[in-house]
C-alpha atoms as a PDB file:
ATOM      1  CA  MET A   1      61.995 119.027 116.815  1.00  0.00           C
ATOM      2  CA  ALA A   2      65.507 120.080 115.863  1.00  0.00           C
ATOM      3  CA  ASP A   3      68.287 117.552 115.464  1.00  0.00           C
ATOM      4  CA  LYS A   4      70.776 117.907 118.302  1.00  0.00           C
ATOM      5  CA  ASN A   5      73.651 116.891 116.028  1.00  0.00           C
ATOM      6  CA  ALA A   6      72.895 119.531 113.379  1.00  0.00           C
ATOM      7  CA  THR A   7      75.404 122.330 112.994  1.00  0.00           C
ATOM      8  CA  ASN A   8      74.737 125.860 111.883  1.00  0.00           C
ATOM      9  CA  SER A   9      78.123 126.265 110.212  1.00  0.00           C
ATOM     10  CA  THR A  10      76.839 125.384 106.746  1.00  0.00           C
ATOM     11  CA  PRO A  11      74.162 127.540 105.152  1.00  0.00           C
ATOM     12  CA  ASN A  12      70.882 125.954 104.134  1.00  0.00           C
ATOM     13  CA  THR A  13      70.439 125.831 100.382  1.00  0.00           C
ATOM     14  CA  VAL A  14      67.338 125.619  98.285  1.00  0.00           C
ATOM     15  CA  ALA A  15      67.802 124.810  94.599  1.00  0.00           C
ATOM     16  CA  GLY A  16      71.324 126.198  94.586  1.00  0.00           C
ATOM     17  CA  ASN A  17      70.522 129.461  96.388  1.00  0.00           C
ATOM     18  CA  THR A  18      71.362 130.118  99.996  1.00  0.00           C
ATOM     19  CA  ALA A  19      68.551 130.501 102.522  1.00  0.00           C
ATOM     20  CA  ASN A  20      69.085 134.268 102.795  1.00  0.00           C
ATOM     21  CA  ASN A  21      68.135 134.575  99.091  1.00  0.00           C
ATOM     22  CA  SER A  22      71.522 135.968  98.138  1.00  0.00           C
ATOM     23  CA  THR A  23      72.227 135.907  94.440  1.00  0.00           C
ATOM     24  CA  ALA A  24      75.952 135.353  94.947  1.00  0.00           C
ATOM     25  CA  PRO A  25      77.144 131.904  93.854  1.00  0.00           C
ATOM     26  CA  ALA A  26      77.919 129.474  96.651  1.00  0.00           C
ATOM     27  CA  ALA A  27      81.603 129.144  97.438  1.00  0.00           C
ATOM     28  CA  THR A  28      82.735 125.647  96.562  1.00  0.00           C
ATOM     29  CA  SER A  29      86.248 125.575  97.970  1.00  0.00           C
ATOM     30  CA  SER A  30      85.494 127.172 101.346  1.00  0.00           C
ATOM     31  CA  ALA A  31      82.380 125.060 102.004  1.00  0.00           C
ATOM     32  CA  VAL A  32      84.372 121.808 102.111  1.00  0.00           C
ATOM     33  CA  GLU A  33      83.962 119.941 105.374  1.00  0.00           C
ATOM     34  CA  PRO A  34      87.077 119.693 107.481  1.00  0.00           C
ATOM     35  CA  GLU A  35      88.778 116.309 107.353  1.00  0.00           C
ATOM     36  CA  LYS A  36      87.916 114.058 110.285  1.00  0.00           C
ATOM     37  CA  VAL A  37      90.867 113.692 112.586  1.00  0.00           C
ATOM     38  CA  ARG A  38      91.215 110.381 114.358  1.00  0.00           C
ATOM     39  CA  PRO A  39      91.635 110.619 118.087  1.00  0.00           C
ATOM     40  CA  ARG A  40      95.108 109.749 119.340  1.00  0.00           C
ATOM     41  CA  ASN A  41      95.350 106.206 120.682  1.00  0.00           C
ATOM     42  CA  GLU A  42      96.866 106.818 124.096  1.00  0.00           C
ATOM     43  CA  ASN A  43      97.202 103.051 124.652  1.00  0.00           C
ATOM     44  CA  LEU A  44      99.897 102.884 121.979  1.00  0.00           C
ATOM     45  CA  GLU A  45     101.352 106.390 121.876  1.00  0.00           C
ATOM     46  CA  THR A  46     102.855 107.587 125.140  1.00  0.00           C
ATOM     47  CA  ASP A  47     105.399 110.184 126.167  1.00  0.00           C
ATOM     48  CA  HIS A  48     107.922 107.353 126.556  1.00  0.00           C
ATOM     49  CA  GLY A  49     107.484 105.816 123.112  1.00  0.00           C
ATOM     50  CA  SER A  50     105.045 104.182 120.763  1.00  0.00           C
ATOM     51  CA  THR A  51     103.908 100.634 120.123  1.00  0.00           C
ATOM     52  CA  VAL A  52     103.401  99.339 116.581  1.00  0.00           C
ATOM     53  CA  ILE A  53     101.286  96.229 116.069  1.00  0.00           C
ATOM     54  CA  ASP A  54     101.607  94.467 112.724  1.00  0.00           C
ATOM     55  CA  ASP A  55      98.551  93.655 110.604  1.00  0.00           C
ATOM     56  CA  ASN A  56      99.395  89.923 110.842  1.00  0.00           C
ATOM     57  CA  VAL A  57      99.082  89.969 114.630  1.00  0.00           C
ATOM     58  CA  VAL A  58      95.686  91.650 114.467  1.00  0.00           C
ATOM     59  CA  GLY A  59      94.621  89.270 111.677  1.00  0.00           C
ATOM     60  CA  LYS A  60      95.408  86.217 113.796  1.00  0.00           C
ATOM     61  CA  ILE A  61      93.497  87.620 116.763  1.00  0.00           C
ATOM     62  CA  ALA A  62      90.510  88.464 114.541  1.00  0.00           C
ATOM     63  CA  GLY A  63      90.546  85.025 112.873  1.00  0.00           C
ATOM     64  CA  ILE A  64      90.568  83.167 116.179  1.00  0.00           C
ATOM     65  CA  ALA A  65      87.886  85.447 117.652  1.00  0.00           C
ATOM     66  CA  ALA A  66      85.616  84.976 114.617  1.00  0.00           C
ATOM     67  CA  ARG A  67      85.974  81.187 114.742  1.00  0.00           C
ATOM     68  CA  GLU A  68      84.961  81.199 118.434  1.00  0.00           C
ATOM     69  CA  VAL A  69      81.460  82.453 117.559  1.00  0.00           C
ATOM     70  CA  SER A  70      78.846  79.718 117.461  1.00  0.00           C
ATOM     71  CA  GLY A  71      77.333  79.475 113.984  1.00  0.00           C
ATOM     72  CA  VAL A  72      80.565  80.072 112.059  1.00  0.00           C
ATOM     73  CA  ASN A  73      81.378  76.954 110.048  1.00  0.00           C
ATOM     74  CA  ASN A  74      84.551  78.245 108.405  1.00  0.00           C
ATOM     75  CA  LEU A  75      86.314  81.424 107.353  1.00  0.00           C
ATOM     76  CA  GLY A  76      87.165  82.558 103.835  1.00  0.00           C
ATOM     77  CA  GLY A  77      85.630  82.423 100.406  1.00  0.00           C
ATOM     78  CA  GLY A  78      85.991  79.547  97.962  1.00  0.00           C
ATOM     79  CA  ALA A  79      89.558  80.238  96.803  1.00  0.00           C
ATOM     80  CA  ALA A  80      90.827  80.983 100.322  1.00  0.00           C
ATOM     81  CA  ARG A  81      89.357  77.723 101.635  1.00  0.00           C
ATOM     82  CA  MET A  82      90.860  75.764  98.708  1.00  0.00           C
ATOM     83  CA  TRP A  83      94.357  77.156  99.339  1.00  0.00           C
ATOM     84  CA  GLY A  84      93.864  76.633 103.061  1.00  0.00           C
ATOM     85  CA  ALA A  85      93.072  72.951 102.473  1.00  0.00           C
ATOM     86  CA  VAL A  86      96.177  72.570 100.298  1.00  0.00           C
ATOM     87  CA  ARG A  87      98.338  74.287 102.932  1.00  0.00           C
ATOM     88  CA  GLU A  88      96.908  72.110 105.712  1.00  0.00           C
ATOM     89  CA  SER A  89      97.601  68.914 103.759  1.00  0.00           C
ATOM     90  CA  LEU A  90     101.202  69.951 103.104  1.00  0.00           C
ATOM     91  CA  THR A  91     102.133  71.532 106.430  1.00  0.00           C
ATOM     92  CA  SER A  92      99.605  70.132 108.944  1.00  0.00           C
ATOM     93  CA  SER A  93      98.927  73.661 110.172  1.00  0.00           C
ATOM     94  CA  THR A  94      95.873  75.854 110.004  1.00  0.00           C
ATOM     95  CA  ASN A  95      96.094  79.449 108.821  1.00  0.00           C
ATOM     96  CA  VAL A  96      94.030  81.300 111.406  1.00  0.00           C
ATOM     97  CA  GLN A  97      94.101  84.426 109.210  1.00  0.00           C
ATOM     98  CA  GLN A  98      92.259  82.717 106.352  1.00  0.00           C
ATOM     99  CA  GLY A  99      89.317  84.903 105.358  1.00  0.00           C
ATOM    100  CA  VAL A 100      90.509  87.902 107.404  1.00  0.00           C
ATOM    101  CA  ASN A 101      91.829  91.202 106.042  1.00  0.00           C
ATOM    102  CA  VAL A 102      93.128  93.850 108.417  1.00  0.00           C
ATOM    103  CA  ALA A 103      94.348  97.411 108.042  1.00  0.00           C
ATOM    104  CA  VAL A 104      96.094  99.010 111.017  1.00  0.00           C
ATOM    105  CA  GLU A 105      96.894 102.706 110.878  1.00  0.00           C
ATOM    106  CA  ASP A 106      97.589 105.264 113.596  1.00  0.00           C
ATOM    107  CA  GLY A 107      96.417 103.019 116.427  1.00  0.00           C
ATOM    108  CA  HIS A 108      93.146 102.182 114.673  1.00  0.00           C
ATOM    109  CA  ALA A 109      92.129  98.908 113.037  1.00  0.00           C
ATOM    110  CA  SER A 110      89.627  98.044 110.317  1.00  0.00           C
ATOM    111  CA  VAL A 111      88.805  94.375 109.856  1.00  0.00           C
ATOM    112  CA  ALA A 112      87.024  92.432 107.100  1.00  0.00           C
ATOM    113  CA  VAL A 113      85.971  88.853 107.839  1.00  0.00           C
ATOM    114  CA  ALA A 114      84.626  86.410 105.232  1.00  0.00           C
ATOM    115  CA  ILE A 115      82.676  83.477 106.653  1.00  0.00           C
ATOM    116  CA  ILE A 116      80.683  80.362 105.899  1.00  0.00           C
ATOM    117  CA  ALA A 117      77.642  80.316 108.198  1.00  0.00           C
ATOM    118  CA  GLU A 118      75.927  77.239 109.595  1.00  0.00           C
ATOM    119  CA  TYR A 119      72.462  76.631 108.143  1.00  0.00           C
ATOM    120  CA  GLY A 120      69.663  77.797 110.441  1.00  0.00           C
ATOM    121  CA  VAL A 121      71.620  80.593 112.132  1.00  0.00           C
ATOM    122  CA  ALA A 122      70.219  84.134 111.963  1.00  0.00           C
ATOM    123  CA  ILE A 123      72.922  85.692 109.798  1.00  0.00           C
ATOM    124  CA  HIS A 124      72.412  89.266 110.997  1.00  0.00           C
ATOM    125  CA  GLU A 125      72.750  88.126 114.624  1.00  0.00           C
ATOM    126  CA  LEU A 126      75.795  86.036 113.707  1.00  0.00           C
ATOM    127  CA  ALA A 127      77.434  89.049 112.034  1.00  0.00           C
ATOM    128  CA  ASN A 128      76.788  91.190 115.117  1.00  0.00           C
ATOM    129  CA  ALA A 129      78.231  88.489 117.400  1.00  0.00           C
ATOM    130  CA  ILE A 130      81.338  88.268 115.184  1.00  0.00           C
ATOM    131  CA  ARG A 131      81.748  92.065 115.266  1.00  0.00           C
ATOM    132  CA  GLU A 132      81.454  92.123 119.044  1.00  0.00           C
ATOM    133  CA  ASN A 133      83.833  89.202 119.645  1.00  0.00           C
ATOM    134  CA  VAL A 134      86.453  90.468 117.187  1.00  0.00           C
ATOM    135  CA  THR A 135      86.293  94.018 118.564  1.00  0.00           C
ATOM    136  CA  VAL A 136      86.590  92.903 122.186  1.00  0.00           C
ATOM    137  CA  ALA A 137      89.471  90.503 121.449  1.00  0.00           C
ATOM    138  CA  ILE A 138      91.489  93.035 119.435  1.00  0.00           C
ATOM    139  CA  THR A 139      90.916  95.863 121.895  1.00  0.00           C
ATOM    140  CA  ARG A 140      91.732  93.708 124.925  1.00  0.00           C
ATOM    141  CA  MET A 141      94.866  92.150 123.455  1.00  0.00           C
ATOM    142  CA  THR A 142      96.332  95.080 121.524  1.00  0.00           C
ATOM    143  CA  GLY A 143      94.827  98.314 122.796  1.00  0.00           C
ATOM    144  CA  LEU A 144      93.927  99.258 119.209  1.00  0.00           C
ATOM    145  CA  ILE A 145      90.755 101.198 118.534  1.00  0.00           C
ATOM    146  CA  VAL A 146      88.596  99.080 116.214  1.00  0.00           C
ATOM    147  CA  ASP A 147      86.812 101.407 113.808  1.00  0.00           C
ATOM    148  CA  ARG A 148      84.854  98.759 111.931  1.00  0.00           C
ATOM    149  CA  VAL A 149      84.414  95.034 111.400  1.00  0.00           C
ATOM    150  CA  ASP A 150      82.855  94.136 108.051  1.00  0.00           C
ATOM    151  CA  VAL A 151      81.408  90.625 107.746  1.00  0.00           C
ATOM    152  CA  THR A 152      80.834  88.984 104.357  1.00  0.00           C
ATOM    153  CA  VAL A 153      78.887  85.723 104.258  1.00  0.00           C
ATOM    154  CA  HIS A 154      80.078  83.711 101.264  1.00  0.00           C
ATOM    155  CA  ASP A 155      78.049  80.565 101.802  1.00  0.00           C
ATOM    156  CA  VAL A 156      75.787  78.614 104.132  1.00  0.00           C
ATOM    157  CA  HIS A 157      76.975  75.186 105.229  1.00  0.00           C
ATOM    158  CA  LEU A 158      74.134  72.694 104.848  1.00  0.00           C
ATOM    159  CA  PRO A 159      73.863  69.624 107.117  1.00  0.00           C
ATOM    160  CA  GLU A 160      73.506  67.385 104.021  1.00  0.00           C
ATOM    161  CA  GLN A 161      76.946  68.470 102.810  1.00  0.00           C
ATOM    162  CA  GLU A 162      78.589  67.117 105.941  1.00  0.00           C
ATOM    163  CA  THR A 163      76.780  63.760 105.906  1.00  0.00           C
ATOM    164  CA  ALA A 164      77.621  63.278 102.195  1.00  0.00           C
ATOM    165  CA  THR A 165      81.288  64.064 102.914  1.00  0.00           C
ATOM    166  CA  GLU A 166      81.354  61.681 105.880  1.00  0.00           C
ATOM    167  CA  GLN A 167      79.765  58.884 103.805  1.00  0.00           C
ATOM    168  CA  SER A 168      82.284  59.471 101.013  1.00  0.00           C
ATOM    169  CA  ASP A 169      85.168  59.370 103.507  1.00  0.00           C
ATOM    170  CA  ASP A 170      83.823  56.153 105.057  1.00  0.00           C
ATOM    171  CA  ALA A 171      83.512  54.507 101.621  1.00  0.00           C
ATOM    172  CA  ASN A 172      87.058  55.553 100.699  1.00  0.00           C
ATOM    173  CA  TYR A 173      88.403  54.232 104.022  1.00  0.00           C
ATOM    174  CA  GLN A 174      86.658  50.890 103.559  1.00  0.00           C
ATOM    175  CA  ALA A 175      87.872  50.560  99.955  1.00  0.00           C
ATOM    176  CA  VAL A 176      91.467  51.246 100.942  1.00  0.00           C
ATOM    177  CA  ASN A 177      91.420  48.923 103.942  1.00  0.00           C
ATOM    178  CA  GLN A 178      89.761  45.910 102.261  1.00  0.00           C
ATOM    179  CA  PRO A 179      91.793  42.719 102.624  1.00  0.00           C
ATOM    180  CA  ILE A 180      93.292  41.539  99.358  1.00  0.00           C
ATOM    181  CA  ASN A 181      92.111  38.071  98.328  1.00  0.00           C
ATOM    182  CA  GLN A 182      94.924  36.024  96.939  1.00  0.00           C
END
C-alpha cells in the first residue's frame, strides 16, 4: 500500500544511483528540500495592523496553565527553584514563569516547561495534560499558534519529603516559641 503523504518530486535512489539507472551523479544543490514556510497567523496580522505579544506574557500564561494540571508539584529545575525561593523570601511574590522558556516568532510560539512531578502520577499522561492545557491557554488568550510544548521532568516529589519538611518546620517553630525560664 502506498503512503498517501509520499511525493514523487524526489527520485528514488539505490546506493547512490537514481532509480532509472542513470550514471550521472545526483545533483546536490537542486535536490534540497524547500524551506517550510509557516502559515500566516491571521489572528495577529490583519489588514489594519499587527499585534505583537512579548515572550514574558506567553511565559506567564504557560506557567500558570502548567501549574493548574493535577500532578505538577512545582516548576523549574534545581537552580530555578532555589532562586525562586530566595526571590519569594525577599519580595513575597511568586515568579509564575519559573521553569518556563518561550520563543515567540511570526505569530507562532514554542514553549519548554520544566517540572517536578508528584510521585505516583503517570508521567507521560502528565506531560500530555500539560501540553494540552498550555496550548489551549496560550491559543485562547493570545491567538498565537503553538507549534510545540516540550516538557522536561527534573524530579519526582516524594510524599516522605513533605512530611520530613513539615516535621522540621514544626520542630523549629516549637524551639523558637518555647518560653524562656528565668
